[in-house]
Amino acid sequence: MSDHLDNEHFDTLIVGTGATESIIANELSAAGHKVLHIDRNSYYGGPNACFSLSGFLTWTLTRDFRQVPQLDLHIGNGLFAIDKPGPIESLTAQLMTYHKEGDLSTAQETLDGLLANDRAYMVEPVPKLVLCRGNMIDLLVDQGVGDFMRFRGVDHNYLVTRQGLERVPESKEDIFASTSLTLVEKRKLMRLMTTLGANLEKPEGSFSQLLAQQFKLTGKLHDTVLYAVARQTGYELSAQEGCDRVYKYVNSIGRYGRMAYLCAQYGGGSEIAQSFCRLCAVTGGTYILDEKLECIEPNEDGFKVSLRRGTAQVSRIVMDPGYYSPNSAALDSVVSRAVCILDNPVLGTDTTCVLTFLDEGSVVSLLYVTSATMAVPEGQALMYAWTEGTIASTKPLLQRAVGVVAQQANVVLSVFFEVRELTAPATDGIFYTSQPDTSVDFESTYDAAQQVLSMINKPDTRI
């Protein structure tokens, strides 16, 4: 930690401590680059942060309102529309000032009861899993990040419709033992797994067409592979991409157990970000939290940057676009999210599940966690849900998805919000990172980091 900067030179300034930025910082520092890594927040993780319940509710009041412009908080039957920043001297009292409808006194009593176990909650605005055999887990193992983190397996994968939940077979044994699949369907699934395992060469068209035409999958079987395994969401997967995803999913089963995904305890994105920041610091990276980036001035040696704690000369900048412009926002990519506390662990007290809800052509991804991942106190559960689109159009869809899964539980507190893409102009020597996405695992985070690193490592890039 540096108390003051006096025009010190760094190869790279990295702005924001999200998982993507933290991976980049560690890779550059390990390669011998002198790295200055800052964050305007007093905590690590940026968009991948993990909070206690009070910390999460404080985030709803202090969030970047350009990127998260609309947020609805439900406590019992009370609705609170948090549409502008607010002071946080008294969190409960401040939240009550946003009351729109419902019983205010009951909501306050419910909130006070939840906050009595404040630090038993670990809430992530953007939760993600780790694929058991993917690029991210390989990076974590190679870098020794496992020394800093603890994981548990994701026990089940479900396809969800308005009619209820259908468990996705996760191995050959599951397929053979399934009572919901006919013998013909079992043979089709086995052929799919065998063919993809043999590396199907250069399939053409869409993945949906490939499943229907080559593998003769229809109805729920087709949807299970397309949405719950290949995880098609906002755009149509090509046949090649779909095959790659299914192969990686199937190949992940058995590496650490019968599951394809791992869920980090104490918050995945935050723990990953902090772990890579520790590694970067060990190799010489300089860290300053709660720091404000005030000005960037291009010059012949790169950039002179003015911070609250002084100035620095840097050759290049890697930046979360949320730090760039006070007025820049775009609607090209909008992801709506829900975070719900359930008063009953309806899918099991020691269970972690990933789910996919299909409803009239719309797709919602869900994640269910309990005290087994230190997410909530015993006897409760935390349900996340997310989909593409603005909250104004998708909130009823998210509510339906949670409702189908949580039929035997009450949602005692829920937060609905949208995350917008922020844009920044292309500038030589400045590389932008995080954007909202609907992926369920950290593979996209890894890919984003590698894309920036590949641009930095081009021969004509300043070092």
Protein backbone atom coordinates (compact mmCIF):
# COMPACT_ATOMS: atom_id res chain seq x y z
CA MET A 1 0.00 0.00 0.00
CA SER A 2 1.35 3.44 -0.93
CA ASP A 3 0.42 6.55 1.07
CA HIS A 4 1.43 9.04 -1.62
CA LEU A 5 2.65 9.03 -5.22
CA ASP A 6 5.18 11.56 -6.53
CA ASN A 7 5.14 11.14 -10.30
CA GLU A 8 6.50 7.60 -9.95
CA HIS A 9 6.70 5.59 -13.20
CA PHE A 10 4.71 2.39 -13.76
CA ASP A 11 4.42 0.22 -16.83
CA THR A 12 0.69 -0.31 -16.32
CA LEU A 13 -2.05 1.37 -14.31
CA ILE A 14 -4.97 -0.99 -13.72
CA VAL A 15 -8.21 0.67 -12.65
CA GLY A 16 -10.75 -1.51 -10.85
CA THR A 17 -10.20 -4.76 -8.93
CA GLY A 18 -12.79 -6.97 -10.61
CA ALA A 19 -11.82 -10.55 -11.40
CA THR A 20 -10.82 -9.64 -14.97
CA GLU A 21 -8.60 -6.73 -13.93
CA SER A 22 -7.02 -8.75 -11.11
CA ILE A 23 -6.05 -11.61 -13.44
CA ILE A 24 -4.47 -9.09 -15.81
CA ALA A 25 -2.59 -7.40 -12.95
CA ASN A 26 -1.12 -10.68 -11.76
CA GLU A 27 -0.10 -11.82 -15.25
CA LEU A 28 1.63 -8.51 -16.02
CA SER A 29 3.38 -8.29 -12.67
CA ALA A 30 4.60 -11.89 -12.95
CA ALA A 31 6.02 -11.01 -16.41
CA GLY A 32 8.10 -8.22 -14.90
CA HIS A 33 5.84 -5.22 -15.51
CA LYS A 34 5.66 -2.57 -12.79
CA VAL A 35 1.95 -2.43 -11.91
CA LEU A 36 -0.10 0.18 -10.07
CA HIS A 37 -3.55 -1.20 -9.23
CA ILE A 38 -6.25 1.07 -7.80
CA ASP A 39 -9.96 0.90 -6.95
CA ARG A 40 -12.37 3.67 -5.98
CA ASN A 41 -14.01 1.30 -3.50
CA SER A 42 -12.67 0.35 -0.09
CA TYR A 43 -13.06 -3.34 -0.98
CA TYR A 44 -11.77 -5.71 -3.67
CA GLY A 45 -13.87 -7.23 -6.43
CA GLY A 46 -15.58 -4.35 -8.24
CA PRO A 47 -18.57 -5.90 -10.05
CA ASN A 48 -17.55 -9.29 -8.59
CA ALA A 49 -17.62 -8.11 -4.97
CA CYS A 50 -19.25 -10.09 -2.16
CA PHE A 51 -21.02 -8.37 0.75
CA SER A 52 -22.57 -8.97 4.12
CA LEU A 53 -26.30 -8.21 4.02
CA SER A 54 -25.80 -4.67 5.32
CA GLY A 55 -22.94 -4.22 2.86
CA PHE A 56 -25.14 -5.35 -0.03
CA LEU A 57 -27.94 -3.00 1.01
CA THR A 58 -25.40 -0.19 1.34
CA TRP A 59 -24.30 -1.01 -2.22
CA THR A 60 -27.90 -0.46 -3.39
CA LEU A 61 -27.66 3.10 -2.06
CA THR A 62 -24.14 3.90 -3.28
CA ARG A 63 -23.93 1.93 -6.54
CA ASP A 64 -22.92 3.46 -9.88
CA PHE A 65 -26.32 4.81 -10.93
CA ARG A 66 -25.20 5.08 -14.57
CA GLN A 67 -24.59 1.35 -14.78
CA VAL A 68 -27.37 0.27 -12.37
CA PRO A 69 -30.02 2.97 -12.85
CA GLN A 70 -33.08 1.12 -11.55
CA LEU A 71 -33.33 -1.01 -8.42
CA ASP A 72 -36.37 -2.33 -6.56
CA LEU A 73 -36.08 -3.68 -3.02
CA HIS A 74 -38.87 -5.91 -1.68
CA ILE A 75 -39.08 -6.67 2.04
CA GLY A 76 -42.11 -8.83 2.75
CA ASN A 77 -44.93 -7.05 0.90
CA GLY A 78 -43.14 -3.71 1.02
CA LEU A 79 -41.68 -2.17 -2.15
CA PHE A 80 -38.81 0.30 -2.00
CA ALA A 81 -37.67 1.93 -5.28
CA ILE A 82 -34.08 3.09 -4.75
CA ASP A 83 -33.69 5.47 -7.67
CA LYS A 84 -31.15 7.95 -6.27
CA PRO A 85 -28.13 7.84 -3.93
CA GLY A 86 -28.72 8.21 -0.23
CA PRO A 87 -26.72 8.73 2.97
CA ILE A 88 -25.97 5.62 5.02
CA GLU A 89 -25.64 6.93 8.58
CA SER A 90 -28.63 4.78 9.53
CA LEU A 91 -29.08 2.07 6.91
CA THR A 92 -32.55 0.86 7.91
CA ALA A 93 -33.92 4.38 8.38
CA GLN A 94 -32.52 5.49 5.02
CA LEU A 95 -33.96 2.50 3.17
CA MET A 96 -37.38 3.22 4.65
CA THR A 97 -37.37 6.66 2.99
CA TYR A 98 -37.67 4.92 -0.40
CA HIS A 99 -40.94 3.21 0.57
CA LYS A 100 -43.48 3.06 -2.27
CA GLU A 101 -46.13 0.56 -1.20
CA GLY A 102 -46.95 -2.18 1.32
CA ASP A 103 -46.72 -2.38 5.10
CA LEU A 104 -43.82 -0.18 6.22
CA SER A 105 -43.70 -1.23 9.87
CA THR A 106 -43.69 -4.95 9.05
CA ALA A 107 -40.96 -4.40 6.44
CA GLN A 108 -38.79 -2.59 8.96
CA GLU A 109 -39.30 -5.33 11.53
CA THR A 110 -38.40 -8.00 8.93
CA LEU A 111 -35.27 -6.12 7.87
CA ASP A 112 -34.14 -5.64 11.46
CA GLY A 113 -34.55 -9.39 12.01
CA LEU A 114 -32.43 -10.22 8.97
CA LEU A 115 -29.74 -7.72 9.92
CA ALA A 116 -29.44 -9.35 13.33
CA ASN A 117 -27.51 -12.09 11.43
CA ASP A 118 -25.82 -9.60 9.11
CA ARG A 119 -22.41 -11.24 8.80
CA ALA A 120 -23.90 -14.70 8.21
CA TYR A 121 -24.84 -13.51 4.69
CA MET A 122 -22.43 -13.46 1.74
CA VAL A 123 -24.27 -11.77 -1.13
CA GLU A 124 -22.87 -11.38 -4.66
CA PRO A 125 -24.52 -8.97 -7.12
CA VAL A 126 -22.98 -11.04 -9.97
CA PRO A 127 -22.51 -14.68 -8.88
CA LYS A 128 -20.60 -17.12 -11.08
CA LEU A 129 -19.42 -20.74 -10.93
CA VAL A 130 -16.19 -22.41 -11.97
CA LEU A 131 -16.27 -25.18 -14.58
CA CYS A 132 -14.40 -28.22 -13.28
CA ARG A 133 -12.42 -28.63 -16.49
CA GLY A 134 -12.08 -25.18 -18.02
CA ASN A 135 -9.58 -22.40 -18.55
CA MET A 136 -10.35 -20.65 -15.27
CA ILE A 137 -9.87 -23.69 -13.03
CA ASP A 138 -6.60 -24.47 -14.84
CA LEU A 139 -5.41 -20.92 -14.17
CA LEU A 140 -6.41 -21.13 -10.50
CA VAL A 141 -4.52 -24.41 -10.11
CA ASP A 142 -1.45 -23.23 -12.04
CA GLN A 143 -1.21 -20.04 -9.99
CA GLY A 144 -1.78 -21.79 -6.65
CA VAL A 145 -4.92 -19.79 -5.95
CA GLY A 146 -6.41 -22.93 -4.42
CA ASP A 147 -4.25 -22.10 -1.39
CA PHE A 148 -6.50 -19.07 -0.79
CA MET A 149 -9.92 -20.46 -1.74
CA ARG A 150 -12.36 -23.21 -0.83
CA PHE A 151 -14.88 -24.77 -3.23
CA ARG A 152 -17.75 -27.21 -3.06
CA GLY A 153 -19.41 -29.06 -5.90
CA VAL A 154 -22.65 -27.92 -7.48
CA ASP A 155 -24.86 -30.86 -6.62
CA HIS A 156 -27.58 -30.59 -9.27
CA ASN A 157 -28.45 -29.00 -12.60
CA TYR A 158 -32.17 -28.49 -13.27
CA LEU A 159 -34.32 -27.53 -16.24
CA VAL A 160 -37.28 -25.53 -14.95
CA THR A 161 -40.63 -24.81 -16.59
CA ARG A 162 -43.93 -23.60 -15.17
CA GLN A 163 -44.73 -27.26 -14.57
CA GLY A 164 -41.77 -27.68 -12.20
CA LEU A 165 -38.18 -28.93 -12.05
CA GLU A 166 -36.53 -31.66 -14.12
CA ARG A 167 -33.07 -32.81 -13.08
CA VAL A 168 -30.48 -32.87 -15.88
CA PRO A 169 -28.60 -36.20 -16.16
CA GLU A 170 -24.95 -35.46 -15.40
CA SER A 171 -23.26 -38.75 -16.28
CA LYS A 172 -23.78 -41.98 -18.19
CA GLU A 173 -24.91 -43.54 -14.91
CA ASP A 174 -27.53 -40.81 -14.49
CA ILE A 175 -28.81 -41.40 -18.00
CA PHE A 176 -29.17 -45.14 -17.47
CA ALA A 177 -30.81 -44.66 -14.05
CA SER A 178 -33.25 -41.96 -15.17
CA THR A 179 -36.92 -42.88 -14.88
CA SER A 180 -38.07 -39.83 -16.86
CA LEU A 181 -36.21 -40.79 -20.06
CA THR A 182 -37.42 -43.44 -22.49
CA LEU A 183 -35.00 -46.04 -23.80
CA VAL A 184 -34.91 -44.23 -27.17
CA GLU A 185 -34.07 -40.91 -25.45
CA LYS A 186 -31.31 -42.58 -23.44
CA ARG A 187 -29.77 -43.91 -26.65
CA LYS A 188 -29.93 -40.46 -28.26
CA LEU A 189 -28.17 -38.83 -25.30
CA MET A 190 -25.51 -41.53 -25.23
CA ARG A 191 -24.89 -41.06 -28.96
CA LEU A 192 -24.57 -37.30 -28.41
CA MET A 193 -22.02 -37.75 -25.62
CA THR A 194 -20.04 -40.34 -27.58
CA THR A 195 -19.97 -38.32 -30.78
CA LEU A 196 -18.93 -35.07 -29.08
CA GLY A 197 -16.32 -36.99 -27.12
CA ALA A 198 -14.86 -38.11 -30.45
CA ASN A 199 -14.53 -34.41 -31.45
CA LEU A 200 -17.19 -33.80 -34.07
CA GLU A 201 -15.42 -32.01 -36.93
CA LYS A 202 -16.51 -28.56 -38.15
CA PRO A 203 -20.30 -28.80 -37.78
CA GLU A 204 -22.22 -26.13 -39.67
CA GLY A 205 -25.38 -24.16 -38.94
CA SER A 206 -26.83 -23.53 -35.49
CA PHE A 207 -26.44 -25.85 -32.53
CA SER A 208 -30.21 -26.13 -32.23
CA GLN A 209 -30.41 -27.38 -35.80
CA LEU A 210 -27.57 -29.83 -35.21
CA LEU A 211 -29.35 -31.31 -32.17
CA ALA A 212 -32.60 -31.68 -34.09
CA GLN A 213 -31.27 -32.89 -37.43
CA GLN A 214 -28.19 -34.98 -36.64
CA PHE A 215 -29.04 -36.22 -33.13
CA LYS A 216 -32.86 -36.25 -33.53
CA LEU A 217 -33.43 -34.47 -30.20
CA THR A 218 -36.84 -32.88 -29.76
CA GLY A 219 -38.96 -31.34 -27.01
CA LYS A 220 -37.60 -31.32 -23.46
CA LEU A 221 -34.54 -33.40 -24.41
CA HIS A 222 -33.56 -30.82 -27.03
CA ASP A 223 -34.13 -27.94 -24.58
CA THR A 224 -32.15 -29.64 -21.83
CA VAL A 225 -29.02 -29.95 -23.98
CA LEU A 226 -29.40 -26.53 -25.63
CA TYR A 227 -30.23 -24.44 -22.54
CA ALA A 228 -29.22 -26.35 -19.40
CA VAL A 229 -25.96 -27.89 -20.71
CA ALA A 230 -24.76 -25.65 -23.58
CA ARG A 231 -26.41 -22.70 -21.80
CA GLN A 232 -27.71 -20.79 -24.82
CA THR A 233 -29.17 -17.51 -23.59
CA GLY A 234 -29.21 -14.25 -25.51
CA TYR A 235 -27.93 -15.32 -28.92
CA GLU A 236 -28.16 -18.44 -31.06
CA LEU A 237 -25.17 -20.70 -30.57
CA SER A 238 -23.36 -21.92 -33.65
CA ALA A 239 -23.05 -25.67 -34.01
CA GLN A 240 -19.32 -25.49 -33.26
CA GLU A 241 -19.72 -23.36 -30.13
CA GLY A 242 -22.54 -25.54 -28.85
CA CYS A 243 -20.50 -28.70 -29.37
CA ASP A 244 -17.53 -27.15 -27.60
CA ARG A 245 -19.67 -26.18 -24.61
CA VAL A 246 -21.31 -29.56 -24.26
CA TYR A 247 -17.98 -31.35 -24.63
CA LYS A 248 -16.40 -29.13 -21.96
CA TYR A 249 -19.39 -29.69 -19.64
CA VAL A 250 -19.38 -33.46 -20.06
CA ASN A 251 -15.60 -33.58 -19.77
CA SER A 252 -15.78 -31.63 -16.49
CA ILE A 253 -17.85 -34.34 -14.82
CA GLY A 254 -15.63 -36.64 -12.79
CA ARG A 255 -12.62 -34.36 -12.33
CA TYR A 256 -13.54 -33.38 -8.77
CA GLY A 257 -16.62 -35.55 -8.33
CA ARG A 258 -19.88 -36.16 -10.13
CA MET A 259 -20.53 -32.47 -10.82
CA ALA A 260 -19.55 -30.21 -13.72
CA TYR A 261 -19.33 -26.98 -11.71
CA LEU A 262 -17.69 -25.79 -8.50
CA CYS A 263 -19.08 -23.04 -6.28
CA ALA A 264 -16.64 -20.98 -4.23
CA GLN A 265 -17.34 -20.46 -0.57
CA TYR A 266 -17.45 -16.89 0.72
CA GLY A 267 -18.12 -15.47 -2.75
CA GLY A 268 -16.45 -16.64 -5.96
CA GLY A 269 -15.64 -13.43 -7.82
CA SER A 270 -14.46 -11.57 -4.75
CA GLU A 271 -12.23 -14.43 -3.61
CA ILE A 272 -10.75 -14.88 -7.09
CA ALA A 273 -10.05 -11.14 -7.39
CA GLN A 274 -8.42 -10.93 -3.96
CA SER A 275 -6.32 -14.03 -4.58
CA PHE A 276 -4.85 -12.69 -7.81
CA CYS A 277 -4.29 -9.30 -6.19
CA ARG A 278 -2.30 -11.02 -3.43
CA LEU A 279 -0.17 -12.77 -6.03
CA CYS A 280 0.39 -9.49 -7.88
CA ALA A 281 1.44 -7.75 -4.67
CA VAL A 282 3.93 -10.54 -3.92
CA THR A 283 5.66 -9.89 -7.25
CA GLY A 284 5.81 -6.13 -6.68
CA GLY A 285 2.38 -4.74 -7.59
CA THR A 286 1.36 -1.53 -5.77
CA TYR A 287 -2.23 -1.36 -4.44
CA ILE A 288 -4.34 1.61 -3.42
CA LEU A 289 -7.99 1.13 -2.48
CA ASP A 290 -10.48 3.95 -1.92
CA GLU A 291 -8.63 5.92 -4.57
CA LYS A 292 -10.07 8.40 -7.06
CA LEU A 293 -8.84 8.68 -10.63
CA GLU A 294 -9.09 12.42 -11.22
CA CYS A 295 -7.39 13.06 -14.57
CA ILE A 296 -5.62 11.28 -17.44
CA GLU A 297 -3.27 13.36 -19.62
CA PRO A 298 -1.66 11.71 -22.69
CA ASN A 299 2.01 12.53 -23.28
CA GLU A 300 4.92 11.18 -25.29
CA ASP A 301 5.72 8.54 -22.66
CA GLY A 302 2.14 7.32 -22.23
CA PHE A 303 -0.06 9.04 -19.68
CA LYS A 304 0.25 11.25 -16.66
CA VAL A 305 -2.49 10.28 -14.22
CA SER A 306 -3.67 12.39 -11.31
CA LEU A 307 -4.98 10.53 -8.29
CA ARG A 308 -6.18 11.72 -4.92
CA ARG A 309 -2.87 10.53 -3.45
CA GLY A 310 -0.61 12.16 -6.04
CA THR A 311 0.45 11.65 -9.66
CA ALA A 312 2.05 8.83 -11.63
CA GLN A 313 3.50 8.35 -15.11
CA VAL A 314 2.26 5.16 -16.81
CA SER A 315 2.91 3.57 -20.18
CA ARG A 316 -0.58 2.11 -20.54
CA ILE A 317 -3.89 1.85 -18.70
CA VAL A 318 -6.23 -1.11 -18.22
CA MET A 319 -9.59 0.17 -17.09
CA ASP A 320 -13.08 -0.92 -16.14
CA PRO A 321 -15.16 1.36 -18.44
CA GLY A 322 -17.24 2.39 -15.43
CA TYR A 323 -14.35 4.64 -14.41
CA TYR A 324 -14.26 6.56 -17.67
CA SER A 325 -17.12 9.02 -18.21
CA PRO A 326 -19.69 10.39 -15.79
CA ASN A 327 -22.33 10.39 -18.52
CA SER A 328 -21.54 7.42 -20.74
CA ALA A 329 -24.02 4.54 -20.87
CA ALA A 330 -25.36 2.28 -23.61
CA LEU A 331 -28.28 -0.11 -23.96
CA ASP A 332 -26.53 -2.54 -26.32
CA SER A 333 -26.05 -4.95 -23.41
CA VAL A 334 -28.42 -4.97 -20.44
CA VAL A 335 -28.67 -7.80 -17.91
CA SER A 336 -31.43 -7.87 -15.31
CA ARG A 337 -30.80 -9.63 -12.00
CA ALA A 338 -32.65 -10.73 -8.88
CA VAL A 339 -31.21 -11.56 -5.46
CA CYS A 340 -33.71 -13.31 -3.17
CA ILE A 341 -33.50 -14.53 0.44
CA LEU A 342 -35.79 -17.52 1.10
CA ASP A 343 -36.99 -18.44 4.58
CA ASN A 344 -36.76 -22.15 3.76
CA PRO A 345 -34.02 -24.10 1.93
CA VAL A 346 -36.53 -25.71 -0.43
CA LEU A 347 -33.97 -27.61 -2.55
CA GLY A 348 -32.02 -28.93 0.43
CA THR A 349 -30.05 -27.52 3.34
CA ASP A 350 -26.69 -28.85 2.13
CA THR A 351 -27.27 -28.39 -1.59
CA THR A 352 -26.02 -26.07 -4.32
CA CYS A 353 -27.91 -26.03 -7.63
CA VAL A 354 -27.73 -24.32 -11.00
CA LEU A 355 -31.06 -24.04 -12.82
CA THR A 356 -32.41 -22.88 -16.19
CA PHE A 357 -35.98 -21.55 -16.44
CA LEU A 358 -37.72 -21.62 -19.84
CA ASP A 359 -40.88 -19.63 -20.38
CA GLU A 360 -42.36 -18.77 -23.78
CA GLY A 361 -38.99 -18.40 -25.47
CA SER A 362 -37.30 -16.57 -22.58
CA VAL A 363 -34.37 -18.03 -20.65
CA VAL A 364 -33.49 -17.29 -17.03
CA SER A 365 -30.38 -18.64 -15.29
CA LEU A 366 -30.66 -19.33 -11.56
CA LEU A 367 -28.27 -20.27 -8.77
CA TYR A 368 -29.39 -21.70 -5.42
CA VAL A 369 -27.00 -21.62 -2.44
CA THR A 370 -27.33 -22.25 1.29
CA SER A 371 -25.27 -22.18 4.46
CA ALA A 372 -23.15 -24.94 2.85
CA THR A 373 -21.32 -22.16 0.92
CA MET A 374 -21.55 -19.71 3.84
CA ALA A 375 -24.09 -17.66 1.86
CA VAL A 376 -26.89 -17.45 4.45
CA PRO A 377 -27.67 -18.49 8.04
CA GLU A 378 -28.85 -22.07 8.56
CA GLY A 379 -32.51 -22.56 7.73
CA GLN A 380 -32.50 -20.07 4.82
CA ALA A 381 -31.42 -20.07 1.18
CA LEU A 382 -30.23 -17.52 -1.35
CA MET A 383 -31.63 -17.59 -4.87
CA TYR A 384 -30.07 -15.63 -7.74
CA ALA A 385 -31.75 -15.16 -11.12
CA TRP A 386 -30.68 -13.27 -14.23
CA THR A 387 -31.61 -12.76 -17.88
CA GLU A 388 -31.04 -10.34 -20.74
CA GLY A 389 -33.20 -7.21 -21.01
CA THR A 390 -34.22 -4.20 -18.94
CA ILE A 391 -35.74 -4.71 -15.52
CA ALA A 392 -38.92 -2.98 -16.68
CA SER A 393 -39.54 -5.80 -19.16
CA THR A 394 -38.03 -8.79 -17.33
CA LYS A 395 -38.98 -8.34 -13.67
CA PRO A 396 -42.20 -10.43 -14.00
CA LEU A 397 -40.17 -13.16 -15.75
CA LEU A 398 -37.57 -13.21 -12.97
CA GLN A 399 -40.34 -13.34 -10.35
CA ARG A 400 -41.97 -16.29 -12.12
CA ALA A 401 -38.68 -18.15 -12.32
CA VAL A 402 -37.98 -17.72 -8.60
CA GLY A 403 -41.60 -18.51 -7.76
CA VAL A 404 -41.59 -21.87 -9.55
CA VAL A 405 -38.45 -22.96 -7.69
CA ALA A 406 -39.40 -21.49 -4.30
CA GLN A 407 -43.01 -22.64 -4.09
CA GLN A 408 -42.64 -23.98 -0.54
CA ALA A 409 -40.77 -20.93 0.76
CA ASN A 410 -41.41 -17.24 1.36
CA VAL A 411 -39.17 -14.66 -0.28
CA VAL A 412 -38.48 -12.45 2.73
CA LEU A 413 -36.22 -10.01 0.89
CA SER A 414 -35.50 -9.54 -2.80
CA VAL A 415 -33.63 -7.02 -4.92
CA PHE A 416 -34.28 -6.56 -8.66
CA PHE A 417 -31.91 -4.45 -10.75
CA GLU A 418 -30.47 -4.08 -14.24
CA VAL A 419 -26.81 -3.72 -15.20
CA ARG A 420 -26.13 -1.64 -18.31
CA GLU A 421 -23.12 -1.68 -20.56
CA LEU A 422 -20.94 1.41 -20.18
CA THR A 423 -19.01 2.61 -23.21
CA ALA A 424 -15.77 4.51 -23.63
CA PRO A 425 -14.03 5.77 -26.79
CA ALA A 426 -11.16 3.79 -28.25
CA THR A 427 -7.88 5.38 -27.15
CA ASP A 428 -4.36 4.23 -28.00
CA GLY A 429 -2.75 2.82 -24.87
CA ILE A 430 -6.01 2.40 -22.89
CA PHE A 431 -7.61 -1.07 -22.72
CA TYR A 432 -11.15 -1.50 -21.42
CA THR A 433 -12.45 -4.60 -19.65
CA SER A 434 -15.68 -5.58 -17.89
CA GLN A 435 -19.11 -5.62 -19.47
CA PRO A 436 -22.29 -7.31 -18.20
CA ASP A 437 -23.01 -10.81 -19.48
CA THR A 438 -25.38 -13.67 -18.72
CA SER A 439 -22.79 -16.44 -18.44
CA VAL A 440 -23.06 -18.79 -15.48
CA ASP A 441 -19.32 -19.47 -15.08
CA PHE A 442 -15.99 -17.64 -15.11
CA GLU A 443 -14.91 -18.78 -18.59
CA SER A 444 -15.99 -15.44 -20.08
CA THR A 445 -13.99 -13.62 -17.36
CA TYR A 446 -10.90 -15.62 -18.27
CA ASP A 447 -11.45 -14.95 -21.99
CA ALA A 448 -11.84 -11.19 -21.38
CA ALA A 449 -8.58 -11.08 -19.43
CA GLN A 450 -6.69 -13.03 -22.09
CA GLN A 451 -8.04 -10.76 -24.83
CA VAL A 452 -6.65 -7.66 -23.10
CA LEU A 453 -3.34 -9.39 -22.36
CA SER A 454 -2.97 -10.40 -26.01
CA MET A 455 -3.44 -6.77 -27.10
CA ILE A 456 -0.93 -5.53 -24.51
CA ASN A 457 1.62 -8.11 -25.61
CA LYS A 458 1.53 -7.12 -29.28
CA PRO A 459 5.02 -6.17 -30.49
CA ASP A 460 4.05 -2.55 -31.19
CA THR A 461 2.57 -1.94 -27.76
CA ARG A 462 4.49 0.40 -25.41
CA ILE A 463 6.18 -1.28 -22.41
